[in-house]
Amino acid sequence: MDCNKLVEDRTPELEMEFNSEEDAYKFYNNYAFKTDFNVCKDYLNKDKNGVTTSRRYSYCKEGVKRKYEGDVMPKRTRAPTKTGCGTKMVIVLLREIMKYRVHDLILEHNHELHIA
C-alpha cells in the first residue's frame, strides 16, 4: 500500500503494509491522537540478528488492575486507570519484501472516549 494513501485514509486496516516498524507506530499513534486515546508499545519479538519480526501496539488502559493481596489494605488507593479495553494493532514482518503488515487489529473500545 502506498504511504500517500495511508496519510489520506488515517484509519488502520488489516493487510496494510509499512516500510518500517517506526512508520507503523507513527501511523497508529496519529490515528490514536485523532480518535483521542494513547498508544503503548507492547510486546516485541526479534530474530537472532536483532531484526524486529513482530510488534504489538496497544491502548494504554488495556488490562485490569491486580487485586491487592497483602495482609493490610493500603492507606490510599488511586482511581482505577485500567479499563480492560482490548484495542490493539499487531504488525508482522514479511521477510520476502521486508515490510511490516498489519496482522491483527481491534479498533473497538469498551468504554466512552473523552472528547476534547
PDB file of N, CA and C in Angstrom:
ATOM      1  N   MET A   1       0.846  -1.173   0.000  1.00  0.00           N
ATOM      2  CA  MET A   1       0.000   0.000   0.000  1.00  0.00           C
ATOM      3  C   MET A   1       0.892   1.237   0.000  1.00  0.00           C
ATOM      4  N   ASP A   2       0.522   2.224  -0.755  1.00  0.00           N
ATOM      5  CA  ASP A   2       1.307   3.450  -0.883  1.00  0.00           C
ATOM      6  C   ASP A   2       1.196   4.294   0.384  1.00  0.00           C
ATOM      7  N   CYS A   3       2.317   4.860   0.820  1.00  0.00           N
ATOM      8  CA  CYS A   3       2.326   5.678   2.039  1.00  0.00           C
ATOM      9  C   CYS A   3       1.452   6.916   1.898  1.00  0.00           C
ATOM     10  N   ASN A   4       1.323   7.468   0.693  1.00  0.00           N
ATOM     11  CA  ASN A   4       0.464   8.641   0.496  1.00  0.00           C
ATOM     12  C   ASN A   4      -0.995   8.293   0.785  1.00  0.00           C
ATOM     13  N   LYS A   5      -1.424   7.092   0.419  1.00  0.00           N
ATOM     14  CA  LYS A   5      -2.791   6.661   0.701  1.00  0.00           C
ATOM     15  C   LYS A   5      -3.004   6.537   2.211  1.00  0.00           C
ATOM     16  N   LEU A   6      -1.993   6.100   2.930  1.00  0.00           N
ATOM     17  CA  LEU A   6      -2.106   5.979   4.377  1.00  0.00           C
ATOM     18  C   LEU A   6      -2.383   7.325   5.021  1.00  0.00           C
ATOM     19  N   VAL A   7      -1.742   8.372   4.512  1.00  0.00           N
ATOM     20  CA  VAL A   7      -1.930   9.709   5.072  1.00  0.00           C
ATOM     21  C   VAL A   7      -3.355  10.183   4.818  1.00  0.00           C
ATOM     22  N   GLU A   8      -3.915   9.851   3.648  1.00  0.00           N
ATOM     23  CA  GLU A   8      -5.269  10.294   3.324  1.00  0.00           C
ATOM     24  C   GLU A   8      -6.320   9.569   4.163  1.00  0.00           C
ATOM     25  N   ASP A   9      -6.209   8.239   4.280  1.00  0.00           N
ATOM     26  CA  ASP A   9      -7.241   7.447   4.950  1.00  0.00           C
ATOM     27  C   ASP A   9      -7.256   7.652   6.451  1.00  0.00           C
ATOM     28  N   ARG A  10      -6.118   7.528   7.093  1.00  0.00           N
ATOM     29  CA  ARG A  10      -5.955   7.719   8.531  1.00  0.00           C
ATOM     30  C   ARG A  10      -6.714   6.703   9.382  1.00  0.00           C
ATOM     31  N   THR A  11      -7.203   5.610   8.816  1.00  0.00           N
ATOM     32  CA  THR A  11      -7.841   4.555   9.583  1.00  0.00           C
ATOM     33  C   THR A  11      -7.103   3.254   9.312  1.00  0.00           C
ATOM     34  N   PRO A  12      -6.599   2.581  10.350  1.00  0.00           N
ATOM     35  CA  PRO A  12      -5.881   1.328  10.136  1.00  0.00           C
ATOM     36  C   PRO A  12      -6.800   0.241   9.588  1.00  0.00           C
ATOM     37  N   GLU A  13      -6.248  -0.642   8.771  1.00  0.00           N
ATOM     38  CA  GLU A  13      -6.980  -1.768   8.214  1.00  0.00           C
ATOM     39  C   GLU A  13      -6.075  -2.986   8.214  1.00  0.00           C
ATOM     40  N   LEU A  14      -6.674  -4.171   8.248  1.00  0.00           N
ATOM     41  CA  LEU A  14      -5.892  -5.391   8.109  1.00  0.00           C
ATOM     42  C   LEU A  14      -5.200  -5.402   6.753  1.00  0.00           C
ATOM     43  N   GLU A  15      -4.040  -6.010   6.691  1.00  0.00           N
ATOM     44  CA  GLU A  15      -3.244  -6.156   5.476  1.00  0.00           C
ATOM     45  C   GLU A  15      -2.539  -4.873   5.032  1.00  0.00           C
ATOM     46  N   MET A  16      -2.643  -3.778   5.790  1.00  0.00           N
ATOM     47  CA  MET A  16      -1.872  -2.573   5.465  1.00  0.00           C
ATOM     48  C   MET A  16      -0.397  -2.900   5.597  1.00  0.00           C
ATOM     49  N   GLU A  17       0.436  -2.280   4.765  1.00  0.00           N
ATOM     50  CA  GLU A  17       1.870  -2.525   4.825  1.00  0.00           C
ATOM     51  C   GLU A  17       2.612  -1.230   5.107  1.00  0.00           C
ATOM     52  N   PHE A  18       3.708  -1.366   5.851  1.00  0.00           N
ATOM     53  CA  PHE A  18       4.545  -0.231   6.224  1.00  0.00           C
ATOM     54  C   PHE A  18       5.993  -0.562   5.914  1.00  0.00           C
ATOM     55  N   ASN A  19       6.760   0.448   5.573  1.00  0.00           N
ATOM     56  CA  ASN A  19       8.167   0.246   5.242  1.00  0.00           C
ATOM     57  C   ASN A  19       9.017  -0.066   6.462  1.00  0.00           C
ATOM     58  N   SER A  20       8.596   0.404   7.637  1.00  0.00           N
ATOM     59  CA  SER A  20       9.377   0.158   8.850  1.00  0.00           C
ATOM     60  C   SER A  20       8.435   0.075  10.051  1.00  0.00           C
ATOM     61  N   GLU A  21       8.982  -0.438  11.129  1.00  0.00           N
ATOM     62  CA  GLU A  21       8.236  -0.518  12.385  1.00  0.00           C
ATOM     63  C   GLU A  21       7.884   0.887  12.872  1.00  0.00           C
ATOM     64  N   GLU A  22       8.810   1.812  12.699  1.00  0.00           N
ATOM     65  CA  GLU A  22       8.586   3.192  13.143  1.00  0.00           C
ATOM     66  C   GLU A  22       7.469   3.856  12.337  1.00  0.00           C
ATOM     67  N   ASP A  23       7.380   3.564  11.025  1.00  0.00           N
ATOM     68  CA  ASP A  23       6.285   4.096  10.207  1.00  0.00           C
ATOM     69  C   ASP A  23       4.934   3.599  10.720  1.00  0.00           C
ATOM     70  N   ALA A  24       4.867   2.317  11.073  1.00  0.00           N
ATOM     71  CA  ALA A  24       3.624   1.745  11.602  1.00  0.00           C
ATOM     72  C   ALA A  24       3.248   2.423  12.920  1.00  0.00           C
ATOM     73  N   TYR A  25       4.230   2.632  13.800  1.00  0.00           N
ATOM     74  CA  TYR A  25       3.965   3.277  15.089  1.00  0.00           C
ATOM     75  C   TYR A  25       3.476   4.710  14.887  1.00  0.00           C
ATOM     76  N   LYS A  26       4.131   5.461  14.022  1.00  0.00           N
ATOM     77  CA  LYS A  26       3.716   6.849  13.770  1.00  0.00           C
ATOM     78  C   LYS A  26       2.296   6.902  13.229  1.00  0.00           C
ATOM     79  N   PHE A  27       1.984   5.985  12.306  1.00  0.00           N
ATOM     80  CA  PHE A  27       0.648   5.958  11.719  1.00  0.00           C
ATOM     81  C   PHE A  27      -0.411   5.646  12.777  1.00  0.00           C
ATOM     82  N   TYR A  28      -0.189   4.596  13.579  1.00  0.00           N
ATOM     83  CA  TYR A  28      -1.173   4.206  14.592  1.00  0.00           C
ATOM     84  C   TYR A  28      -1.278   5.254  15.693  1.00  0.00           C
ATOM     85  N   ASN A  29      -0.168   5.846  16.052  1.00  0.00           N
ATOM     86  CA  ASN A  29      -0.178   6.896  17.068  1.00  0.00           C
ATOM     87  C   ASN A  29      -0.941   8.123  16.568  1.00  0.00           C
ATOM     88  N   ASN A  30      -0.784   8.450  15.294  1.00  0.00           N
ATOM     89  CA  ASN A  30      -1.528   9.572  14.704  1.00  0.00           C
ATOM     90  C   ASN A  30      -3.028   9.263  14.698  1.00  0.00           C
ATOM     91  N   TYR A  31      -3.382   8.034  14.329  1.00  0.00           N
ATOM     92  CA  TYR A  31      -4.795   7.624  14.365  1.00  0.00           C
ATOM     93  C   TYR A  31      -5.333   7.728  15.791  1.00  0.00           C
ATOM     94  N   ALA A  32      -4.562   7.259  16.763  1.00  0.00           N
ATOM     95  CA  ALA A  32      -4.978   7.299  18.170  1.00  0.00           C
ATOM     96  C   ALA A  32      -5.164   8.735  18.641  1.00  0.00           C
ATOM     97  N   PHE A  33      -4.278   9.619  18.231  1.00  0.00           N
ATOM     98  CA  PHE A  33      -4.395  11.032  18.607  1.00  0.00           C
ATOM     99  C   PHE A  33      -5.687  11.619  18.056  1.00  0.00           C
ATOM    100  N   LYS A  34      -6.011  11.299  16.807  1.00  0.00           N
ATOM    101  CA  LYS A  34      -7.231  11.828  16.182  1.00  0.00           C
ATOM    102  C   LYS A  34      -8.490  11.291  16.853  1.00  0.00           C
ATOM    103  N   THR A  35      -8.447  10.047  17.344  1.00  0.00           N
ATOM    104  CA  THR A  35      -9.614   9.461  17.980  1.00  0.00           C
ATOM    105  C   THR A  35      -9.544   9.541  19.502  1.00  0.00           C
ATOM    106  N   ASP A  36      -8.540  10.213  20.023  1.00  0.00           N
ATOM    107  CA  ASP A  36      -8.421  10.572  21.439  1.00  0.00           C
ATOM    108  C   ASP A  36      -8.161   9.400  22.385  1.00  0.00           C
ATOM    109  N   PHE A  37      -7.113   8.617  22.086  1.00  0.00           N
ATOM    110  CA  PHE A  37      -6.609   7.647  23.046  1.00  0.00           C
ATOM    111  C   PHE A  37      -5.100   7.545  22.899  1.00  0.00           C
ATOM    112  N   ASN A  38      -4.442   6.940  23.882  1.00  0.00           N
ATOM    113  CA  ASN A  38      -2.982   6.859  23.900  1.00  0.00           C
ATOM    114  C   ASN A  38      -2.516   5.452  23.570  1.00  0.00           C
ATOM    115  N   VAL A  39      -1.395   5.366  22.865  1.00  0.00           N
ATOM    116  CA  VAL A  39      -0.840   4.093  22.424  1.00  0.00           C
ATOM    117  C   VAL A  39       0.420   3.770  23.215  1.00  0.00           C
ATOM    118  N   CYS A  40       0.568   2.496  23.566  1.00  0.00           N
ATOM    119  CA  CYS A  40       1.791   1.997  24.204  1.00  0.00           C
ATOM    120  C   CYS A  40       2.410   0.949  23.289  1.00  0.00           C
ATOM    121  N   LYS A  41       3.732   0.941  23.228  1.00  0.00           N
ATOM    122  CA  LYS A  41       4.414  -0.136  22.526  1.00  0.00           C
ATOM    123  C   LYS A  41       4.417  -1.321  23.470  1.00  0.00           C
ATOM    124  N   ASP A  42       3.748  -2.384  23.067  1.00  0.00           N
ATOM    125  CA  ASP A  42       3.588  -3.549  23.932  1.00  0.00           C
ATOM    126  C   ASP A  42       4.690  -4.553  23.621  1.00  0.00           C
ATOM    127  N   TYR A  43       4.353  -5.794  23.366  1.00  0.00           N
ATOM    128  CA  TYR A  43       5.402  -6.797  23.202  1.00  0.00           C
ATOM    129  C   TYR A  43       6.165  -6.621  21.891  1.00  0.00           C
ATOM    130  N   LEU A  44       7.350  -7.211  21.862  1.00  0.00           N
ATOM    131  CA  LEU A  44       8.257  -7.100  20.722  1.00  0.00           C
ATOM    132  C   LEU A  44       8.956  -8.434  20.555  1.00  0.00           C
ATOM    133  N   ASN A  45       9.008  -8.956  19.338  1.00  0.00           N
ATOM    134  CA  ASN A  45       9.768 -10.165  19.036  1.00  0.00           C
ATOM    135  C   ASN A  45      10.849  -9.825  18.030  1.00  0.00           C
ATOM    136  N   LYS A  46      12.060 -10.326  18.274  1.00  0.00           N
ATOM    137  CA  LYS A  46      13.183 -10.102  17.358  1.00  0.00           C
ATOM    138  C   LYS A  46      13.781 -11.443  16.963  1.00  0.00           C
ATOM    139  N   ASP A  47      14.409 -11.482  15.792  1.00  0.00           N
ATOM    140  CA  ASP A  47      15.114 -12.693  15.390  1.00  0.00           C
ATOM    141  C   ASP A  47      16.544 -12.651  15.918  1.00  0.00           C
ATOM    142  N   LYS A  48      17.351 -13.656  15.585  1.00  0.00           N
ATOM    143  CA  LYS A  48      18.701 -13.745  16.136  1.00  0.00           C
ATOM    144  C   LYS A  48      19.620 -12.624  15.652  1.00  0.00           C
ATOM    145  N   ASN A  49      19.241 -11.946  14.567  1.00  0.00           N
ATOM    146  CA  ASN A  49      20.036 -10.825  14.049  1.00  0.00           C
ATOM    147  C   ASN A  49      19.602  -9.487  14.621  1.00  0.00           C
ATOM    148  N   GLY A  50      18.595  -9.494  15.476  1.00  0.00           N
ATOM    149  CA  GLY A  50      18.120  -8.262  16.094  1.00  0.00           C
ATOM    150  C   GLY A  50      17.073  -7.523  15.287  1.00  0.00           C
ATOM    151  N   VAL A  51      16.554  -8.143  14.232  1.00  0.00           N
ATOM    152  CA  VAL A  51      15.517  -7.522  13.404  1.00  0.00           C
ATOM    153  C   VAL A  51      14.160  -7.805  14.034  1.00  0.00           C
ATOM    154  N   THR A  52      13.341  -6.765  14.180  1.00  0.00           N
ATOM    155  CA  THR A  52      12.004  -6.918  14.748  1.00  0.00           C
ATOM    156  C   THR A  52      11.137  -7.735  13.797  1.00  0.00           C
ATOM    157  N   THR A  53      10.585  -8.844  14.301  1.00  0.00           N
ATOM    158  CA  THR A  53       9.727  -9.689  13.467  1.00  0.00           C
ATOM    159  C   THR A  53       8.245  -9.440  13.729  1.00  0.00           C
ATOM    160  N   SER A  54       7.902  -8.987  14.931  1.00  0.00           N
ATOM    161  CA  SER A  54       6.520  -8.608  15.219  1.00  0.00           C
ATOM    162  C   SER A  54       6.494  -7.648  16.398  1.00  0.00           C
ATOM    163  N   ARG A  55       5.417  -6.867  16.435  1.00  0.00           N
ATOM    164  CA  ARG A  55       5.271  -5.855  17.488  1.00  0.00           C
ATOM    165  C   ARG A  55       3.792  -5.621  17.701  1.00  0.00           C
ATOM    166  N   ARG A  56       3.403  -5.403  18.974  1.00  0.00           N
ATOM    167  CA  ARG A  56       2.016  -5.064  19.278  1.00  0.00           C
ATOM    168  C   ARG A  56       1.964  -3.676  19.878  1.00  0.00           C
ATOM    169  N   TYR A  57       1.066  -2.862  19.349  1.00  0.00           N
ATOM    170  CA  TYR A  57       0.766  -1.541  19.891  1.00  0.00           C
ATOM    171  C   TYR A  57      -0.606  -1.649  20.528  1.00  0.00           C
ATOM    172  N   SER A  58      -0.712  -1.260  21.779  1.00  0.00           N
ATOM    173  CA  SER A  58      -1.986  -1.391  22.474  1.00  0.00           C
ATOM    174  C   SER A  58      -2.382  -0.080  23.134  1.00  0.00           C
ATOM    175  N   TYR A  59      -3.610  -0.063  23.609  1.00  0.00           N
ATOM    176  CA  TYR A  59      -4.150   1.088  24.310  1.00  0.00           C
ATOM    177  C   TYR A  59      -3.558   1.103  25.711  1.00  0.00           C
ATOM    178  N   CYS A  60      -3.184   2.266  26.188  1.00  0.00           N
ATOM    179  CA  CYS A  60      -2.536   2.367  27.496  1.00  0.00           C
ATOM    180  C   CYS A  60      -3.424   1.928  28.649  1.00  0.00           C
ATOM    181  N   LYS A  61      -4.731   1.892  28.458  1.00  0.00           N
ATOM    182  CA  LYS A  61      -5.638   1.452  29.527  1.00  0.00           C
ATOM    183  C   LYS A  61      -6.049  -0.007  29.352  1.00  0.00           C
ATOM    184  N   GLU A  62      -5.264  -0.760  28.581  1.00  0.00           N
ATOM    185  CA  GLU A  62      -5.538  -2.174  28.382  1.00  0.00           C
ATOM    186  C   GLU A  62      -5.345  -2.942  29.688  1.00  0.00           C
ATOM    187  N   GLY A  63      -6.087  -4.014  29.858  1.00  0.00           N
ATOM    188  CA  GLY A  63      -5.912  -4.865  31.031  1.00  0.00           C
ATOM    189  C   GLY A  63      -6.723  -4.399  32.213  1.00  0.00           C
ATOM    190  N   VAL A  64      -6.531  -5.082  33.321  1.00  0.00           N
ATOM    191  CA  VAL A  64      -7.217  -4.729  34.561  1.00  0.00           C
ATOM    192  C   VAL A  64      -6.203  -4.684  35.689  1.00  0.00           C
ATOM    193  N   LYS A  65      -6.497  -3.898  36.700  1.00  0.00           N
ATOM    194  CA  LYS A  65      -5.599  -3.755  37.837  1.00  0.00           C
ATOM    195  C   LYS A  65      -5.654  -5.007  38.710  1.00  0.00           C
ATOM    196  N   ARG A  66      -4.482  -5.429  39.188  1.00  0.00           N
ATOM    197  CA  ARG A  66      -4.422  -6.589  40.078  1.00  0.00           C
ATOM    198  C   ARG A  66      -5.093  -6.268  41.409  1.00  0.00           C
ATOM    199  N   LYS A  67      -5.635  -7.283  42.022  1.00  0.00           N
ATOM    200  CA  LYS A  67      -6.211  -7.120  43.360  1.00  0.00           C
ATOM    201  C   LYS A  67      -5.076  -7.089  44.374  1.00  0.00           C
ATOM    202  N   TYR A  68      -5.257  -6.317  45.424  1.00  0.00           N
ATOM    203  CA  TYR A  68      -4.254  -6.225  46.474  1.00  0.00           C
ATOM    204  C   TYR A  68      -4.255  -7.526  47.257  1.00  0.00           C
ATOM    205  N   GLU A  69      -3.082  -8.152  47.410  1.00  0.00           N
ATOM    206  CA  GLU A  69      -3.010  -9.458  48.056  1.00  0.00           C
ATOM    207  C   GLU A  69      -2.305  -9.424  49.409  1.00  0.00           C
ATOM    208  N   GLY A  70      -1.956  -8.252  49.894  1.00  0.00           N
ATOM    209  CA  GLY A  70      -1.257  -8.165  51.168  1.00  0.00           C
ATOM    210  C   GLY A  70      -2.179  -8.353  52.359  1.00  0.00           C
ATOM    211  N   ASP A  71      -1.598  -8.404  53.549  1.00  0.00           N
ATOM    212  CA  ASP A  71      -2.380  -8.561  54.780  1.00  0.00           C
ATOM    213  C   ASP A  71      -3.095  -7.270  55.157  1.00  0.00           C
ATOM    214  N   VAL A  72      -2.480  -6.140  54.827  1.00  0.00           N
ATOM    215  CA  VAL A  72      -3.020  -4.840  55.230  1.00  0.00           C
ATOM    216  C   VAL A  72      -3.441  -4.074  53.985  1.00  0.00           C
ATOM    217  N   MET A  73      -4.621  -3.495  54.034  1.00  0.00           N
ATOM    218  CA  MET A  73      -5.075  -2.670  52.916  1.00  0.00           C
ATOM    219  C   MET A  73      -4.264  -1.373  52.896  1.00  0.00           C
ATOM    220  N   PRO A  74      -3.960  -0.843  51.713  1.00  0.00           N
ATOM    221  CA  PRO A  74      -3.211   0.405  51.641  1.00  0.00           C
ATOM    222  C   PRO A  74      -4.030   1.568  52.202  1.00  0.00           C
ATOM    223  N   LYS A  75      -3.317   2.589  52.711  1.00  0.00           N
ATOM    224  CA  LYS A  75      -3.998   3.751  53.291  1.00  0.00           C
ATOM    225  C   LYS A  75      -4.742   4.541  52.232  1.00  0.00           C
ATOM    226  N   ARG A  76      -4.092   4.699  51.080  1.00  0.00           N
ATOM    227  CA  ARG A  76      -4.723   5.440  49.985  1.00  0.00           C
ATOM    228  C   ARG A  76      -4.781   4.545  48.752  1.00  0.00           C
ATOM    229  N   THR A  77      -5.875   4.617  48.046  1.00  0.00           N
ATOM    230  CA  THR A  77      -5.982   3.896  46.781  1.00  0.00           C
ATOM    231  C   THR A  77      -6.233   4.909  45.674  1.00  0.00           C
ATOM    232  N   ARG A  78      -5.685   4.630  44.533  1.00  0.00           N
ATOM    233  CA  ARG A  78      -5.862   5.517  43.376  1.00  0.00           C
ATOM    234  C   ARG A  78      -7.101   5.118  42.592  1.00  0.00           C
ATOM    235  N   ALA A  79      -7.595   6.059  41.835  1.00  0.00           N
ATOM    236  CA  ALA A  79      -8.715   5.770  40.957  1.00  0.00           C
ATOM    237  C   ALA A  79      -8.260   4.761  39.908  1.00  0.00           C
ATOM    238  N   PRO A  80      -9.137   3.867  39.490  1.00  0.00           N
ATOM    239  CA  PRO A  80      -8.729   2.863  38.500  1.00  0.00           C
ATOM    240  C   PRO A  80      -8.381   3.515  37.169  1.00  0.00           C
ATOM    241  N   THR A  81      -7.263   3.085  36.588  1.00  0.00           N
ATOM    242  CA  THR A  81      -6.838   3.616  35.293  1.00  0.00           C
ATOM    243  C   THR A  81      -6.984   2.586  34.189  1.00  0.00           C
ATOM    244  N   LYS A  82      -7.083   1.334  34.537  1.00  0.00           N
ATOM    245  CA  LYS A  82      -7.231   0.266  33.546  1.00  0.00           C
ATOM    246  C   LYS A  82      -8.714   0.004  33.320  1.00  0.00           C
ATOM    247  N   THR A  83      -9.077  -0.162  32.048  1.00  0.00           N
ATOM    248  CA  THR A  83     -10.483  -0.371  31.715  1.00  0.00           C
ATOM    249  C   THR A  83     -10.743  -1.736  31.092  1.00  0.00           C
ATOM    250  N   GLY A  84      -9.702  -2.499  30.821  1.00  0.00           N
ATOM    251  CA  GLY A  84      -9.879  -3.792  30.176  1.00  0.00           C
ATOM    252  C   GLY A  84     -10.119  -3.673  28.687  1.00  0.00           C
ATOM    253  N   CYS A  85      -9.861  -2.521  28.117  1.00  0.00           N
ATOM    254  CA  CYS A  85     -10.081  -2.278  26.694  1.00  0.00           C
ATOM    255  C   CYS A  85      -9.058  -3.068  25.869  1.00  0.00           C
ATOM    256  N   GLY A  86      -9.501  -3.747  24.836  1.00  0.00           N
ATOM    257  CA  GLY A  86      -8.620  -4.599  24.042  1.00  0.00           C
ATOM    258  C   GLY A  86      -8.184  -3.992  22.723  1.00  0.00           C
ATOM    259  N   THR A  87      -8.287  -2.684  22.557  1.00  0.00           N
ATOM    260  CA  THR A  87      -7.884  -2.041  21.316  1.00  0.00           C
ATOM    261  C   THR A  87      -6.400  -2.267  21.076  1.00  0.00           C
ATOM    262  N   LYS A  88      -6.047  -2.755  19.860  1.00  0.00           N
ATOM    263  CA  LYS A  88      -4.647  -3.037  19.565  1.00  0.00           C
ATOM    264  C   LYS A  88      -4.410  -3.130  18.068  1.00  0.00           C
ATOM    265  N   MET A  89      -3.129  -3.051  17.699  1.00  0.00           N
ATOM    266  CA  MET A  89      -2.696  -3.291  16.328  1.00  0.00           C
ATOM    267  C   MET A  89      -1.408  -4.099  16.404  1.00  0.00           C
ATOM    268  N   VAL A  90      -1.372  -5.242  15.718  1.00  0.00           N
ATOM    269  CA  VAL A  90      -0.198  -6.107  15.694  1.00  0.00           C
ATOM    270  C   VAL A  90       0.358  -6.104  14.281  1.00  0.00           C
ATOM    271  N   ILE A  91       1.679  -5.854  14.163  1.00  0.00           N
ATOM    272  CA  ILE A  91       2.335  -5.895  12.860  1.00  0.00           C
ATOM    273  C   ILE A  91       3.322  -7.062  12.839  1.00  0.00           C
ATOM    274  N   VAL A  92       3.491  -7.640  11.650  1.00  0.00           N
ATOM    275  CA  VAL A  92       4.394  -8.767  11.458  1.00  0.00           C
ATOM    276  C   VAL A  92       5.258  -8.482  10.240  1.00  0.00           C
ATOM    277  N   LEU A  93       6.548  -8.836  10.328  1.00  0.00           N
ATOM    278  CA  LEU A  93       7.482  -8.624   9.224  1.00  0.00           C
ATOM    279  C   LEU A  93       7.279  -9.677   8.148  1.00  0.00           C
ATOM    280  N   LEU A  94       7.118  -9.225   6.907  1.00  0.00           N
ATOM    281  CA  LEU A  94       7.089 -10.121   5.755  1.00  0.00           C
ATOM    282  C   LEU A  94       8.513 -10.160   5.196  1.00  0.00           C
ATOM    283  N   ARG A  95       9.205 -11.252   5.421  1.00  0.00           N
ATOM    284  CA  ARG A  95      10.628 -11.333   5.066  1.00  0.00           C
ATOM    285  C   ARG A  95      10.877 -11.255   3.560  1.00  0.00           C
ATOM    286  N   GLU A  96       9.922 -11.726   2.741  1.00  0.00           N
ATOM    287  CA  GLU A  96      10.115 -11.718   1.291  1.00  0.00           C
ATOM    288  C   GLU A  96      10.295 -10.302   0.748  1.00  0.00           C
ATOM    289  N   ILE A  97       9.521  -9.362   1.295  1.00  0.00           N
ATOM    290  CA  ILE A  97       9.574  -7.980   0.800  1.00  0.00           C
ATOM    291  C   ILE A  97      10.108  -6.999   1.839  1.00  0.00           C
ATOM    292  N   MET A  98      10.431  -7.514   3.065  1.00  0.00           N
ATOM    293  CA  MET A  98      10.972  -6.706   4.154  1.00  0.00           C
ATOM    294  C   MET A  98      10.085  -5.505   4.488  1.00  0.00           C
ATOM    295  N   LYS A  99       8.781  -5.771   4.581  1.00  0.00           N
ATOM    296  CA  LYS A  99       7.811  -4.763   5.003  1.00  0.00           C
ATOM    297  C   LYS A  99       6.991  -5.345   6.144  1.00  0.00           C
ATOM    298  N   TYR A 100       6.395  -4.462   6.921  1.00  0.00           N
ATOM    299  CA  TYR A 100       5.547  -4.868   8.044  1.00  0.00           C
ATOM    300  C   TYR A 100       4.094  -4.791   7.623  1.00  0.00           C
ATOM    301  N   ARG A 101       3.340  -5.836   7.943  1.00  0.00           N
ATOM    302  CA  ARG A 101       1.925  -5.895   7.590  1.00  0.00           C
ATOM    303  C   ARG A 101       1.096  -5.982   8.863  1.00  0.00           C
ATOM    304  N   VAL A 102      -0.065  -5.313   8.857  1.00  0.00           N
ATOM    305  CA  VAL A 102      -0.986  -5.390   9.985  1.00  0.00           C
ATOM    306  C   VAL A 102      -1.589  -6.787   9.995  1.00  0.00           C
ATOM    307  N   HIS A 103      -1.319  -7.527  11.066  1.00  0.00           N
ATOM    308  CA  HIS A 103      -1.737  -8.924  11.186  1.00  0.00           C
ATOM    309  C   HIS A 103      -3.010  -9.063  12.025  1.00  0.00           C
ATOM    310  N   ASP A 104      -3.129  -8.260  13.062  1.00  0.00           N
ATOM    311  CA  ASP A 104      -4.280  -8.324  13.966  1.00  0.00           C
ATOM    312  C   ASP A 104      -4.670  -6.894  14.314  1.00  0.00           C
ATOM    313  N   LEU A 105      -5.962  -6.610  14.302  1.00  0.00           N
ATOM    314  CA  LEU A 105      -6.417  -5.244  14.515  1.00  0.00           C
ATOM    315  C   LEU A 105      -7.760  -5.242  15.228  1.00  0.00           C
ATOM    316  N   ILE A 106      -7.829  -4.552  16.348  1.00  0.00           N
ATOM    317  CA  ILE A 106      -9.089  -4.340  17.067  1.00  0.00           C
ATOM    318  C   ILE A 106      -9.195  -2.848  17.332  1.00  0.00           C
ATOM    319  N   LEU A 107     -10.231  -2.211  16.803  1.00  0.00           N
ATOM    320  CA  LEU A 107     -10.394  -0.759  16.931  1.00  0.00           C
ATOM    321  C   LEU A 107     -11.525  -0.374  17.880  1.00  0.00           C
ATOM    322  N   GLU A 108     -12.337  -1.345  18.326  1.00  0.00           N
ATOM    323  CA  GLU A 108     -13.478  -1.032  19.174  1.00  0.00           C
ATOM    324  C   GLU A 108     -13.034  -0.862  20.625  1.00  0.00           C
ATOM    325  N   HIS A 109     -13.594   0.135  21.279  1.00  0.00           N
ATOM    326  CA  HIS A 109     -13.330   0.398  22.698  1.00  0.00           C
ATOM    327  C   HIS A 109     -14.514  -0.116  23.509  1.00  0.00           C
ATOM    328  N   ASN A 110     -14.268  -0.524  24.747  1.00  0.00           N
ATOM    329  CA  ASN A 110     -15.351  -0.992  25.616  1.00  0.00           C
ATOM    330  C   ASN A 110     -15.790   0.092  26.601  1.00  0.00           C
ATOM    331  N   HIS A 111     -15.494   1.334  26.292  1.00  0.00           N
ATOM    332  CA  HIS A 111     -15.805   2.450  27.186  1.00  0.00           C
ATOM    333  C   HIS A 111     -15.930   3.711  26.340  1.00  0.00           C
ATOM    334  N   GLU A 112     -16.392   4.782  26.965  1.00  0.00           N
ATOM    335  CA  GLU A 112     -16.517   6.066  26.285  1.00  0.00           C
ATOM    336  C   GLU A 112     -15.148   6.727  26.188  1.00  0.00           C
ATOM    337  N   LEU A 113     -14.864   7.337  25.036  1.00  0.00           N
ATOM    338  CA  LEU A 113     -13.638   8.110  24.878  1.00  0.00           C
ATOM    339  C   LEU A 113     -13.912   9.546  25.299  1.00  0.00           C
ATOM    340  N   HIS A 114     -12.901  10.185  25.822  1.00  0.00           N
ATOM    341  CA  HIS A 114     -13.042  11.581  26.244  1.00  0.00           C
ATOM    342  C   HIS A 114     -12.912  12.471  25.017  1.00  0.00           C
ATOM    343  N   ILE A 115     -13.917  13.278  24.769  1.00  0.00           N
ATOM    344  CA  ILE A 115     -13.891  14.196  23.640  1.00  0.00           C
ATOM    345  C   ILE A 115     -13.371  15.534  24.135  1.00  0.00           C
ATOM    346  N   ALA A 116     -12.286  15.998  23.520  1.00  0.00           N
ATOM    347  CA  ALA A 116     -11.682  17.262  23.952  1.00  0.00           C
ATOM    348  C   ALA A 116     -12.238  18.427  23.182  1.00  0.00           C
TER     349      ALA A 116
END
